Amino acid sequence: MSSGIKKKCQQVDCTGESFNMSSSLLPKPQMKDLLGRIARRNFLIGVTLVTGSFFLLEHFFIQGRQNKYRDFYKTFDFAKDFEEKKKAGIFHSVKP
């Protein structure tokens, strides 16, 4: 009797080989809250990527530019620059 039950669970494909039709081979499709799970996953991936991109941009681009400006203005003489531009005639409201 048990061999008859096993035969019901097995099917024969077109090559003549038998294969098992048990439900343990294929996972049950998860249709409940499918859109919500995908949206949550995509949201978390997006937040992670944006946060990582922000920190990389901040560290490599913005901090580097701020350091260059800081180094430039440490040795910059505003009065000397103004006098050079005044002598060149750039300022029309200031007499040379």
PDB file of N, CA and C in Angstrom:
ATOM      1  N   MET A   1       0.816  -1.188   0.000  1.00  0.00           N
ATOM      2  CA  MET A   1       0.000   0.000   0.000  1.00  0.00           C
ATOM      3  C   MET A   1       0.865   1.258   0.000  1.00  0.00           C
ATOM      4  N   SER A   2       1.979   1.197   0.683  1.00  0.00           N
ATOM      5  CA  SER A   2       2.830   2.377   0.754  1.00  0.00           C
ATOM      6  C   SER A   2       3.472   2.678  -0.593  1.00  0.00           C
ATOM      7  N   SER A   3       3.698   1.646  -1.413  1.00  0.00           N
ATOM      8  CA  SER A   3       4.279   1.895  -2.738  1.00  0.00           C
ATOM      9  C   SER A   3       3.266   2.606  -3.632  1.00  0.00           C
ATOM     10  N   GLY A   4       1.985   2.351  -3.433  1.00  0.00           N
ATOM     11  CA  GLY A   4       0.947   3.038  -4.211  1.00  0.00           C
ATOM     12  C   GLY A   4       0.877   4.518  -3.853  1.00  0.00           C
ATOM     13  N   ILE A   5       1.083   4.846  -2.594  1.00  0.00           N
ATOM     14  CA  ILE A   5       1.076   6.250  -2.165  1.00  0.00           C
ATOM     15  C   ILE A   5       2.285   6.970  -2.747  1.00  0.00           C
ATOM     16  N   LYS A   6       3.449   6.305  -2.756  1.00  0.00           N
ATOM     17  CA  LYS A   6       4.646   6.914  -3.321  1.00  0.00           C
ATOM     18  C   LYS A   6       4.474   7.162  -4.814  1.00  0.00           C
ATOM     19  N   LYS A   7       3.802   6.266  -5.495  1.00  0.00           N
ATOM     20  CA  LYS A   7       3.611   6.429  -6.931  1.00  0.00           C
ATOM     21  C   LYS A   7       2.712   7.627  -7.229  1.00  0.00           C
ATOM     22  N   LYS A   8       1.787   7.942  -6.352  1.00  0.00           N
ATOM     23  CA  LYS A   8       0.925   9.097  -6.557  1.00  0.00           C
ATOM     24  C   LYS A   8       1.724  10.396  -6.450  1.00  0.00           C
ATOM     25  N   CYS A   9       2.740  10.419  -5.609  1.00  0.00           N
ATOM     26  CA  CYS A   9       3.529  11.624  -5.404  1.00  0.00           C
ATOM     27  C   CYS A   9       4.586  11.810  -6.478  1.00  0.00           C
ATOM     28  N   GLN A  10       4.853  10.772  -7.246  1.00  0.00           N
ATOM     29  CA  GLN A  10       5.882  10.882  -8.274  1.00  0.00           C
ATOM     30  C   GLN A  10       5.230  10.998  -9.642  1.00  0.00           C
ATOM     31  N   GLN A  11       5.811  11.810 -10.478  1.00  0.00           N
ATOM     32  CA  GLN A  11       5.360  11.983 -11.845  1.00  0.00           C
ATOM     33  C   GLN A  11       6.487  11.570 -12.777  1.00  0.00           C
ATOM     34  N   VAL A  12       6.184  11.293 -13.994  1.00  0.00           N
ATOM     35  CA  VAL A  12       7.186  10.920 -14.984  1.00  0.00           C
ATOM     36  C   VAL A  12       7.233  12.022 -16.024  1.00  0.00           C
ATOM     37  N   ASP A  13       8.447  12.560 -16.249  1.00  0.00           N
ATOM     38  CA  ASP A  13       8.557  13.599 -17.269  1.00  0.00           C
ATOM     39  C   ASP A  13       8.713  12.964 -18.643  1.00  0.00           C
ATOM     40  N   CYS A  14       8.897  13.768 -19.680  1.00  0.00           N
ATOM     41  CA  CYS A  14       8.906  13.254 -21.046  1.00  0.00           C
ATOM     42  C   CYS A  14      10.123  12.380 -21.354  1.00  0.00           C
ATOM     43  N   THR A  15      11.160  12.428 -20.537  1.00  0.00           N
ATOM     44  CA  THR A  15      12.321  11.563 -20.769  1.00  0.00           C
ATOM     45  C   THR A  15      12.151  10.201 -20.120  1.00  0.00           C
ATOM     46  N   GLY A  16      11.102  10.021 -19.338  1.00  0.00           N
ATOM     47  CA  GLY A  16      10.863   8.742 -18.701  1.00  0.00           C
ATOM     48  C   GLY A  16      11.412   8.685 -17.285  1.00  0.00           C
ATOM     49  N   GLU A  17      12.112   9.742 -16.832  1.00  0.00           N
ATOM     50  CA  GLU A  17      12.640   9.760 -15.463  1.00  0.00           C
ATOM     51  C   GLU A  17      11.571  10.286 -14.528  1.00  0.00           C
ATOM     52  N   SER A  18      11.534   9.732 -13.345  1.00  0.00           N
ATOM     53  CA  SER A  18      10.534  10.187 -12.387  1.00  0.00           C
ATOM     54  C   SER A  18      11.119  11.309 -11.530  1.00  0.00           C
ATOM     55  N   PHE A  19      10.268  12.196 -11.127  1.00  0.00           N
ATOM     56  CA  PHE A  19      10.671  13.263 -10.221  1.00  0.00           C
ATOM     57  C   PHE A  19       9.596  13.426  -9.166  1.00  0.00           C
ATOM     58  N   ASN A  20       9.994  13.972  -8.043  1.00  0.00           N
ATOM     59  CA  ASN A  20       9.116  14.065  -6.885  1.00  0.00           C
ATOM     60  C   ASN A  20       8.317  15.364  -6.946  1.00  0.00           C
ATOM     61  N   MET A  21       7.025  15.304  -6.692  1.00  0.00           N
ATOM     62  CA  MET A  21       6.156  16.476  -6.721  1.00  0.00           C
ATOM     63  C   MET A  21       5.828  16.965  -5.312  1.00  0.00           C
ATOM     64  N   SER A  22       6.697  16.715  -4.361  1.00  0.00           N
ATOM     65  CA  SER A  22       6.378  17.118  -2.993  1.00  0.00           C
ATOM     66  C   SER A  22       6.497  18.634  -2.858  1.00  0.00           C
ATOM     67  N   SER A  23       5.792  19.171  -1.912  1.00  0.00           N
ATOM     68  CA  SER A  23       5.763  20.620  -1.725  1.00  0.00           C
ATOM     69  C   SER A  23       7.032  21.136  -1.060  1.00  0.00           C
ATOM     70  N   SER A  24       7.889  20.264  -0.585  1.00  0.00           N
ATOM     71  CA  SER A  24       9.114  20.730   0.063  1.00  0.00           C
ATOM     72  C   SER A  24      10.145  21.207  -0.950  1.00  0.00           C
ATOM     73  N   LEU A  25       9.986  20.881  -2.223  1.00  0.00           N
ATOM     74  CA  LEU A  25      10.954  21.316  -3.232  1.00  0.00           C
ATOM     75  C   LEU A  25      10.795  22.793  -3.570  1.00  0.00           C
ATOM     76  N   LEU A  26       9.584  23.264  -3.697  1.00  0.00           N
ATOM     77  CA  LEU A  26       9.338  24.649  -4.053  1.00  0.00           C
ATOM     78  C   LEU A  26       8.862  25.428  -2.836  1.00  0.00           C
ATOM     79  N   PRO A  27       9.445  26.597  -2.598  1.00  0.00           N
ATOM     80  CA  PRO A  27       8.952  27.385  -1.462  1.00  0.00           C
ATOM     81  C   PRO A  27       7.579  27.971  -1.768  1.00  0.00           C
ATOM     82  N   LYS A  28       6.819  28.145  -0.751  1.00  0.00           N
ATOM     83  CA  LYS A  28       5.483  28.696  -0.895  1.00  0.00           C
ATOM     84  C   LYS A  28       5.611  30.179  -1.275  1.00  0.00           C
ATOM     85  N   PRO A  29       4.910  30.645  -2.278  1.00  0.00           N
ATOM     86  CA  PRO A  29       5.033  32.052  -2.673  1.00  0.00           C
ATOM     87  C   PRO A  29       4.492  32.973  -1.586  1.00  0.00           C
ATOM     88  N   GLN A  30       5.219  34.033  -1.328  1.00  0.00           N
ATOM     89  CA  GLN A  30       4.838  34.992  -0.288  1.00  0.00           C
ATOM     90  C   GLN A  30       4.152  36.173  -0.960  1.00  0.00           C
ATOM     91  N   MET A  31       2.856  36.174  -1.010  1.00  0.00           N
ATOM     92  CA  MET A  31       2.126  37.244  -1.671  1.00  0.00           C
ATOM     93  C   MET A  31       1.596  38.280  -0.684  1.00  0.00           C
ATOM     94  N   LYS A  32       1.454  37.909   0.574  1.00  0.00           N
ATOM     95  CA  LYS A  32       0.928  38.843   1.548  1.00  0.00           C
ATOM     96  C   LYS A  32       1.992  39.874   1.892  1.00  0.00           C
ATOM     97  N   ASP A  33       1.659  41.148   1.794  1.00  0.00           N
ATOM     98  CA  ASP A  33       2.546  42.268   2.109  1.00  0.00           C
ATOM     99  C   ASP A  33       3.798  42.269   1.233  1.00  0.00           C
ATOM    100  N   LEU A  34       3.666  41.820   0.001  1.00  0.00           N
ATOM    101  CA  LEU A  34       4.812  41.768  -0.907  1.00  0.00           C
ATOM    102  C   LEU A  34       5.309  43.170  -1.230  1.00  0.00           C
ATOM    103  N   LEU A  35       4.404  44.078  -1.570  1.00  0.00           N
ATOM    104  CA  LEU A  35       4.797  45.444  -1.900  1.00  0.00           C
ATOM    105  C   LEU A  35       5.422  46.148  -0.697  1.00  0.00           C
ATOM    106  N   GLY A  36       4.861  45.923   0.482  1.00  0.00           N
ATOM    107  CA  GLY A  36       5.406  46.555   1.686  1.00  0.00           C
ATOM    108  C   GLY A  36       6.813  46.081   1.999  1.00  0.00           C
ATOM    109  N   ARG A  37       7.065  44.788   1.850  1.00  0.00           N
ATOM    110  CA  ARG A  37       8.409  44.259   2.126  1.00  0.00           C
ATOM    111  C   ARG A  37       9.426  44.799   1.121  1.00  0.00           C
ATOM    112  N   ILE A  38       9.028  44.853  -0.141  1.00  0.00           N
ATOM    113  CA  ILE A  38       9.943  45.372  -1.166  1.00  0.00           C
ATOM    114  C   ILE A  38      10.203  46.858  -0.934  1.00  0.00           C
ATOM    115  N   ALA A  39       9.164  47.603  -0.567  1.00  0.00           N
ATOM    116  CA  ALA A  39       9.336  49.036  -0.310  1.00  0.00           C
ATOM    117  C   ALA A  39      10.250  49.273   0.887  1.00  0.00           C
ATOM    118  N   ARG A  40      10.073  48.501   1.961  1.00  0.00           N
ATOM    119  CA  ARG A  40      10.940  48.655   3.137  1.00  0.00           C
ATOM    120  C   ARG A  40      12.387  48.328   2.802  1.00  0.00           C
ATOM    121  N   ARG A  41      12.595  47.249   2.053  1.00  0.00           N
ATOM    122  CA  ARG A  41      13.955  46.854   1.669  1.00  0.00           C
ATOM    123  C   ARG A  41      14.599  47.939   0.810  1.00  0.00           C
ATOM    124  N   ASN A  42      13.867  48.437  -0.176  1.00  0.00           N
ATOM    125  CA  ASN A  42      14.414  49.471  -1.043  1.00  0.00           C
ATOM    126  C   ASN A  42      14.668  50.770  -0.284  1.00  0.00           C
ATOM    127  N   PHE A  43      13.808  51.084   0.668  1.00  0.00           N
ATOM    128  CA  PHE A  43      14.014  52.274   1.494  1.00  0.00           C
ATOM    129  C   PHE A  43      15.287  52.147   2.313  1.00  0.00           C
ATOM    130  N   LEU A  44      15.497  50.999   2.938  1.00  0.00           N
ATOM    131  CA  LEU A  44      16.714  50.807   3.737  1.00  0.00           C
ATOM    132  C   LEU A  44      17.967  50.830   2.869  1.00  0.00           C
ATOM    133  N   ILE A  45      17.899  50.241   1.699  1.00  0.00           N
ATOM    134  CA  ILE A  45      19.045  50.288   0.787  1.00  0.00           C
ATOM    135  C   ILE A  45      19.316  51.725   0.372  1.00  0.00           C
ATOM    136  N   GLY A  46      18.278  52.478   0.064  1.00  0.00           N
ATOM    137  CA  GLY A  46      18.437  53.876  -0.341  1.00  0.00           C
ATOM    138  C   GLY A  46      19.029  54.728   0.764  1.00  0.00           C
ATOM    139  N   VAL A  47      18.527  54.568   1.982  1.00  0.00           N
ATOM    140  CA  VAL A  47      19.053  55.342   3.107  1.00  0.00           C
ATOM    141  C   VAL A  47      20.523  55.000   3.346  1.00  0.00           C
ATOM    142  N   THR A  48      20.873  53.741   3.246  1.00  0.00           N
ATOM    143  CA  THR A  48      22.259  53.327   3.439  1.00  0.00           C
ATOM    144  C   THR A  48      23.166  53.930   2.370  1.00  0.00           C
ATOM    145  N   LEU A  49      22.740  53.883   1.121  1.00  0.00           N
ATOM    146  CA  LEU A  49      23.551  54.437   0.036  1.00  0.00           C
ATOM    147  C   LEU A  49      23.690  55.950   0.146  1.00  0.00           C
ATOM    148  N   VAL A  50      22.623  56.640   0.495  1.00  0.00           N
ATOM    149  CA  VAL A  50      22.684  58.095   0.623  1.00  0.00           C
ATOM    150  C   VAL A  50      23.589  58.492   1.788  1.00  0.00           C
ATOM    151  N   THR A  51      23.476  57.792   2.899  1.00  0.00           N
ATOM    152  CA  THR A  51      24.318  58.105   4.052  1.00  0.00           C
ATOM    153  C   THR A  51      25.787  57.844   3.733  1.00  0.00           C
ATOM    154  N   GLY A  52      26.079  56.726   3.109  1.00  0.00           N
ATOM    155  CA  GLY A  52      27.462  56.433   2.726  1.00  0.00           C
ATOM    156  C   GLY A  52      28.007  57.439   1.734  1.00  0.00           C
ATOM    157  N   SER A  53      27.191  57.826   0.760  1.00  0.00           N
ATOM    158  CA  SER A  53      27.627  58.820  -0.229  1.00  0.00           C
ATOM    159  C   SER A  53      27.885  60.166   0.432  1.00  0.00           C
ATOM    160  N   PHE A  54      27.036  60.546   1.375  1.00  0.00           N
ATOM    161  CA  PHE A  54      27.234  61.818   2.069  1.00  0.00           C
ATOM    162  C   PHE A  54      28.557  61.836   2.814  1.00  0.00           C
ATOM    163  N   PHE A  55      28.844  60.780   3.560  1.00  0.00           N
ATOM    164  CA  PHE A  55      30.085  60.764   4.329  1.00  0.00           C
ATOM    165  C   PHE A  55      31.316  60.714   3.428  1.00  0.00           C
ATOM    166  N   LEU A  56      31.246  59.992   2.323  1.00  0.00           N
ATOM    167  CA  LEU A  56      32.371  59.979   1.384  1.00  0.00           C
ATOM    168  C   LEU A  56      32.567  61.353   0.742  1.00  0.00           C
ATOM    169  N   LEU A  57      31.484  62.005   0.342  1.00  0.00           N
ATOM    170  CA  LEU A  57      31.568  63.335  -0.240  1.00  0.00           C
ATOM    171  C   LEU A  57      32.115  64.330   0.777  1.00  0.00           C
ATOM    172  N   GLU A  58      31.623  64.252   1.990  1.00  0.00           N
ATOM    173  CA  GLU A  58      32.075  65.163   3.054  1.00  0.00           C
ATOM    174  C   GLU A  58      33.558  64.983   3.327  1.00  0.00           C
ATOM    175  N   HIS A  59      33.991  63.751   3.419  1.00  0.00           N
ATOM    176  CA  HIS A  59      35.386  63.485   3.792  1.00  0.00           C
ATOM    177  C   HIS A  59      36.364  63.828   2.676  1.00  0.00           C
ATOM    178  N   PHE A  60      36.067  63.398   1.457  1.00  0.00           N
ATOM    179  CA  PHE A  60      37.038  63.538   0.390  1.00  0.00           C
ATOM    180  C   PHE A  60      36.911  64.852  -0.380  1.00  0.00           C
ATOM    181  N   PHE A  61      35.725  65.408  -0.514  1.00  0.00           N
ATOM    182  CA  PHE A  61      35.555  66.578  -1.360  1.00  0.00           C
ATOM    183  C   PHE A  61      35.457  67.863  -0.539  1.00  0.00           C
ATOM    184  N   ILE A  62      34.523  67.917   0.378  1.00  0.00           N
ATOM    185  CA  ILE A  62      34.264  69.165   1.100  1.00  0.00           C
ATOM    186  C   ILE A  62      35.403  69.491   2.066  1.00  0.00           C
ATOM    187  N   GLN A  63      35.863  68.516   2.828  1.00  0.00           N
ATOM    188  CA  GLN A  63      36.958  68.776   3.771  1.00  0.00           C
ATOM    189  C   GLN A  63      38.235  69.174   3.033  1.00  0.00           C
ATOM    190  N   GLY A  64      38.501  68.533   1.909  1.00  0.00           N
ATOM    191  CA  GLY A  64      39.689  68.883   1.131  1.00  0.00           C
ATOM    192  C   GLY A  64      39.631  70.311   0.623  1.00  0.00           C
ATOM    193  N   ARG A  65      38.468  70.718   0.135  1.00  0.00           N
ATOM    194  CA  ARG A  65      38.308  72.091  -0.356  1.00  0.00           C
ATOM    195  C   ARG A  65      38.424  73.087   0.791  1.00  0.00           C
ATOM    196  N   GLN A  66      37.828  72.791   1.924  1.00  0.00           N
ATOM    197  CA  GLN A  66      37.928  73.702   3.066  1.00  0.00           C
ATOM    198  C   GLN A  66      39.380  73.836   3.535  1.00  0.00           C
ATOM    199  N   ASN A  67      40.122  72.747   3.521  1.00  0.00           N
ATOM    200  CA  ASN A  67      41.535  72.817   3.910  1.00  0.00           C
ATOM    201  C   ASN A  67      42.335  73.677   2.940  1.00  0.00           C
ATOM    202  N   LYS A  68      42.059  73.581   1.648  1.00  0.00           N
ATOM    203  CA  LYS A  68      42.755  74.411   0.653  1.00  0.00           C
ATOM    204  C   LYS A  68      42.445  75.887   0.854  1.00  0.00           C
ATOM    205  N   TYR A  69      41.173  76.224   1.087  1.00  0.00           N
ATOM    206  CA  TYR A  69      40.811  77.618   1.359  1.00  0.00           C
ATOM    207  C   TYR A  69      41.482  78.113   2.637  1.00  0.00           C
ATOM    208  N   ARG A  70      41.494  77.306   3.672  1.00  0.00           N
ATOM    209  CA  ARG A  70      42.111  77.696   4.943  1.00  0.00           C
ATOM    210  C   ARG A  70      43.603  77.966   4.751  1.00  0.00           C
ATOM    211  N   ASP A  71      44.282  77.093   4.019  1.00  0.00           N
ATOM    212  CA  ASP A  71      45.717  77.291   3.781  1.00  0.00           C
ATOM    213  C   ASP A  71      45.980  78.536   2.935  1.00  0.00           C
ATOM    214  N   PHE A  72      45.118  78.811   1.966  1.00  0.00           N
ATOM    215  CA  PHE A  72      45.298  79.983   1.113  1.00  0.00           C
ATOM    216  C   PHE A  72      45.142  81.268   1.920  1.00  0.00           C
ATOM    217  N   TYR A  73      44.103  81.346   2.736  1.00  0.00           N
ATOM    218  CA  TYR A  73      43.830  82.589   3.462  1.00  0.00           C
ATOM    219  C   TYR A  73      44.710  82.775   4.690  1.00  0.00           C
ATOM    220  N   LYS A  74      45.494  81.779   5.081  1.00  0.00           N
ATOM    221  CA  LYS A  74      46.457  81.960   6.176  1.00  0.00           C
ATOM    222  C   LYS A  74      47.547  82.948   5.765  1.00  0.00           C
ATOM    223  N   THR A  75      47.961  82.912   4.500  1.00  0.00           N
ATOM    224  CA  THR A  75      49.064  83.748   4.037  1.00  0.00           C
ATOM    225  C   THR A  75      48.595  84.887   3.134  1.00  0.00           C
ATOM    226  N   PHE A  76      47.286  85.061   2.969  1.00  0.00           N
ATOM    227  CA  PHE A  76      46.774  86.084   2.059  1.00  0.00           C
ATOM    228  C   PHE A  76      46.757  87.435   2.744  1.00  0.00           C
ATOM    229  N   ASP A  77      47.298  88.465   2.078  1.00  0.00           N
ATOM    230  CA  ASP A  77      47.314  89.824   2.615  1.00  0.00           C
ATOM    231  C   ASP A  77      46.271  90.649   1.855  1.00  0.00           C
ATOM    232  N   PHE A  78      45.177  90.989   2.540  1.00  0.00           N
ATOM    233  CA  PHE A  78      44.077  91.697   1.899  1.00  0.00           C
ATOM    234  C   PHE A  78      44.487  93.116   1.495  1.00  0.00           C
ATOM    235  N   ALA A  79      45.235  93.794   2.355  1.00  0.00           N
ATOM    236  CA  ALA A  79      45.644  95.176   2.062  1.00  0.00           C
ATOM    237  C   ALA A  79      46.562  95.211   0.846  1.00  0.00           C
ATOM    238  N   LYS A  80      47.491  94.297   0.752  1.00  0.00           N
ATOM    239  CA  LYS A  80      48.406  94.243  -0.391  1.00  0.00           C
ATOM    240  C   LYS A  80      47.645  93.957  -1.677  1.00  0.00           C
ATOM    241  N   ASP A  81      46.688  93.067  -1.616  1.00  0.00           N
ATOM    242  CA  ASP A  81      45.883  92.732  -2.789  1.00  0.00           C
ATOM    243  C   ASP A  81      45.047  93.933  -3.223  1.00  0.00           C
ATOM    244  N   PHE A  82      44.501  94.665  -2.251  1.00  0.00           N
ATOM    245  CA  PHE A  82      43.708  95.851  -2.570  1.00  0.00           C
ATOM    246  C   PHE A  82      44.566  96.912  -3.241  1.00  0.00           C
ATOM    247  N   GLU A  83      45.757  97.143  -2.727  1.00  0.00           N
ATOM    248  CA  GLU A  83      46.643  98.144  -3.316  1.00  0.00           C
ATOM    249  C   GLU A  83      47.050  97.770  -4.738  1.00  0.00           C
ATOM    250  N   GLU A  84      47.317  96.510  -4.991  1.00  0.00           N
ATOM    251  CA  GLU A  84      47.674  96.060  -6.346  1.00  0.00           C
ATOM    252  C   GLU A  84      46.519  96.295  -7.320  1.00  0.00           C
ATOM    253  N   LYS A  85      45.310  95.995  -6.896  1.00  0.00           N
ATOM    254  CA  LYS A  85      44.146  96.187  -7.759  1.00  0.00           C
ATOM    255  C   LYS A  85      43.844  97.670  -7.962  1.00  0.00           C
ATOM    256  N   LYS A  86      44.092  98.476  -6.931  1.00  0.00           N
ATOM    257  CA  LYS A  86      43.864  99.918  -7.048  1.00  0.00           C
ATOM    258  C   LYS A  86      44.843 100.529  -8.048  1.00  0.00           C
ATOM    259  N   LYS A  87      46.110 100.116  -8.006  1.00  0.00           N
ATOM    260  CA  LYS A  87      47.117 100.612  -8.943  1.00  0.00           C
ATOM    261  C   LYS A  87      46.836 100.170 -10.368  1.00  0.00           C
ATOM    262  N   ALA A  88      46.241  98.993 -10.525  1.00  0.00           N
ATOM    263  CA  ALA A  88      45.909  98.476 -11.855  1.00  0.00           C
ATOM    264  C   ALA A  88      44.704  99.173 -12.447  1.00  0.00           C
ATOM    265  N   GLY A  89      43.927  99.896 -11.623  1.00  0.00           N
ATOM    266  CA  GLY A  89      42.767 100.618 -12.113  1.00  0.00           C
ATOM    267  C   GLY A  89      41.509  99.791 -12.189  1.00  0.00           C
ATOM    268  N   ILE A  90      41.441  98.715 -11.446  1.00  0.00           N
ATOM    269  CA  ILE A  90      40.245  97.873 -11.458  1.00  0.00           C
ATOM    270  C   ILE A  90      39.079  98.568 -10.780  1.00  0.00           C
ATOM    271  N   PHE A  91      39.360  99.281  -9.677  1.00  0.00           N
ATOM    272  CA  PHE A  91      38.296  99.972  -8.926  1.00  0.00           C
ATOM    273  C   PHE A  91      38.100 101.359  -9.524  1.00  0.00           C
ATOM    274  N   HIS A  92      36.926 101.640 -10.079  1.00  0.00           N
ATOM    275  CA  HIS A  92      36.665 102.929 -10.692  1.00  0.00           C
ATOM    276  C   HIS A  92      36.302 103.977  -9.648  1.00  0.00           C
ATOM    277  N   SER A  93      35.839 103.580  -8.487  1.00  0.00           N
ATOM    278  CA  SER A  93      35.411 104.538  -7.470  1.00  0.00           C
ATOM    279  C   SER A  93      36.575 104.954  -6.568  1.00  0.00           C
ATOM    280  N   VAL A  94      37.730 104.325  -6.688  1.00  0.00           N
ATOM    281  CA  VAL A  94      38.881 104.640  -5.842  1.00  0.00           C
ATOM    282  C   VAL A  94      39.965 105.233  -6.737  1.00  0.00           C
ATOM    283  N   LYS A  95      40.493 106.410  -6.326  1.00  0.00           N
ATOM    284  CA  LYS A  95      41.544 107.047  -7.103  1.00  0.00           C
ATOM    285  C   LYS A  95      42.860 106.297  -6.916  1.00  0.00           C
ATOM    286  N   PRO A  96      43.636 106.118  -8.008  1.00  0.00           N
ATOM    287  CA  PRO A  96      44.903 105.396  -7.871  1.00  0.00           C
ATOM    288  C   PRO A  96      45.989 106.197  -7.173  1.00  0.00           C
TER     289      PRO A  96
END
